[in-house]
C-alpha atoms as a PDB file:
ATOM      1  CA  MET A   1     -18.015 -13.060 -11.694  1.00  0.00           C
ATOM      2  CA  ASN A   2     -14.830 -12.564  -9.702  1.00  0.00           C
ATOM      3  CA  TYR A   3     -12.006 -10.201 -10.479  1.00  0.00           C
ATOM      4  CA  SER A   4      -8.372 -10.606  -9.593  1.00  0.00           C
ATOM      5  CA  GLY A   5      -7.289  -6.995  -9.895  1.00  0.00           C
ATOM      6  CA  VAL A   6      -7.824  -3.498 -11.242  1.00  0.00           C
ATOM      7  CA  LYS A   7      -5.165  -1.191 -12.623  1.00  0.00           C
ATOM      8  CA  PRO A   8      -6.732   2.290 -12.563  1.00  0.00           C
ATOM      9  CA  VAL A   9      -4.015   3.726 -14.823  1.00  0.00           C
ATOM     10  CA  THR A  10      -2.038   1.562 -17.247  1.00  0.00           C
ATOM     11  CA  ILE A  11      -0.165   1.972 -20.524  1.00  0.00           C
ATOM     12  CA  GLU A  12       1.014  -1.661 -20.786  1.00  0.00           C
ATOM     13  CA  ASN A  13      -2.226  -3.134 -22.133  1.00  0.00           C
ATOM     14  CA  GLY A  14      -2.769  -1.109 -25.295  1.00  0.00           C
ATOM     15  CA  THR A  15      -2.305   2.291 -26.866  1.00  0.00           C
ATOM     16  CA  GLY A  16      -2.871   5.260 -24.565  1.00  0.00           C
ATOM     17  CA  VAL A  17      -3.794   5.488 -20.907  1.00  0.00           C
ATOM     18  CA  ARG A  18      -6.586   3.178 -19.790  1.00  0.00           C
ATOM     19  CA  VAL A  19      -8.118   1.162 -16.955  1.00  0.00           C
ATOM     20  CA  SER A  20      -7.578  -2.614 -16.918  1.00  0.00           C
ATOM     21  CA  LEU A  21      -9.915  -5.019 -15.133  1.00  0.00           C
ATOM     22  CA  PHE A  22      -8.544  -8.537 -14.691  1.00  0.00           C
ATOM     23  CA  VAL A  23     -11.251 -11.157 -14.274  1.00  0.00           C
ATOM     24  CA  SER A  24     -10.813 -14.662 -12.860  1.00  0.00           C
ATOM     25  CA  GLY A  25     -11.360 -17.903 -14.693  1.00  0.00           C
ATOM     26  CA  CYS A  26      -9.660 -19.418 -17.711  1.00  0.00           C
ATOM     27  CA  ARG A  27      -9.836 -22.856 -19.304  1.00  0.00           C
ATOM     28  CA  HIS A  28      -6.887 -22.390 -21.700  1.00  0.00           C
ATOM     29  CA  HIS A  29      -4.140 -22.912 -19.053  1.00  0.00           C
ATOM     30  CA  CYS A  30      -1.387 -21.619 -21.350  1.00  0.00           C
ATOM     31  CA  ARG A  31       2.081 -22.756 -20.358  1.00  0.00           C
ATOM     32  CA  GLU A  32       3.405 -19.162 -20.665  1.00  0.00           C
ATOM     33  CA  CYS A  33       0.646 -17.650 -18.498  1.00  0.00           C
ATOM     34  CA  PHE A  34       1.800 -14.801 -16.224  1.00  0.00           C
ATOM     35  CA  ASN A  35      -1.044 -15.357 -13.721  1.00  0.00           C
ATOM     36  CA  PRO A  36      -1.901 -19.068 -13.392  1.00  0.00           C
ATOM     37  CA  GLU A  37      -3.563 -18.408 -10.028  1.00  0.00           C
ATOM     38  CA  THR A  38      -6.356 -16.628 -11.936  1.00  0.00           C
ATOM     39  CA  TRP A  39      -7.333 -19.811 -13.826  1.00  0.00           C
ATOM     40  CA  ASP A  40      -9.648 -20.660 -10.926  1.00  0.00           C
ATOM     41  CA  PHE A  41     -13.088 -19.097 -11.484  1.00  0.00           C
ATOM     42  CA  GLY A  42     -13.400 -18.675  -7.696  1.00  0.00           C
ATOM     43  CA  TYR A  43     -10.159 -16.689  -7.322  1.00  0.00           C
ATOM     44  CA  GLY A  44     -10.275 -13.035  -6.334  1.00  0.00           C
ATOM     45  CA  LYS A  45     -13.122 -10.859  -5.135  1.00  0.00           C
ATOM     46  CA  PRO A  46     -16.761 -10.848  -6.266  1.00  0.00           C
ATOM     47  CA  PHE A  47     -17.537  -8.075  -8.747  1.00  0.00           C
ATOM     48  CA  LYS A  48     -20.487  -5.957  -7.660  1.00  0.00           C
ATOM     49  CA  ILE A  49     -22.109  -3.432  -9.987  1.00  0.00           C
ATOM     50  CA  GLY A  50     -22.125   0.128  -8.690  1.00  0.00           C
ATOM     51  CA  ARG A  51     -19.228  -0.278  -6.313  1.00  0.00           C
ATOM     52  CA  ALA A  52     -15.751   1.204  -6.764  1.00  0.00           C
ATOM     53  CA  HIS A  53     -13.033  -1.473  -6.583  1.00  0.00           C
ATOM     54  CA  VAL A  54      -9.927   0.637  -7.029  1.00  0.00           C
END
């Protein structure tokens, strides 16, 4: 699994303060998508368990 980004502190993606992990790969291809570059499952960096990505 690849990820396209991490927001360590965000209030835009729900109630309260949280961490957001954005993964790569989408088959919906919505016309209003804010991040069409992330549709590719190979986009971004490989996610490795046990490693800080922030």
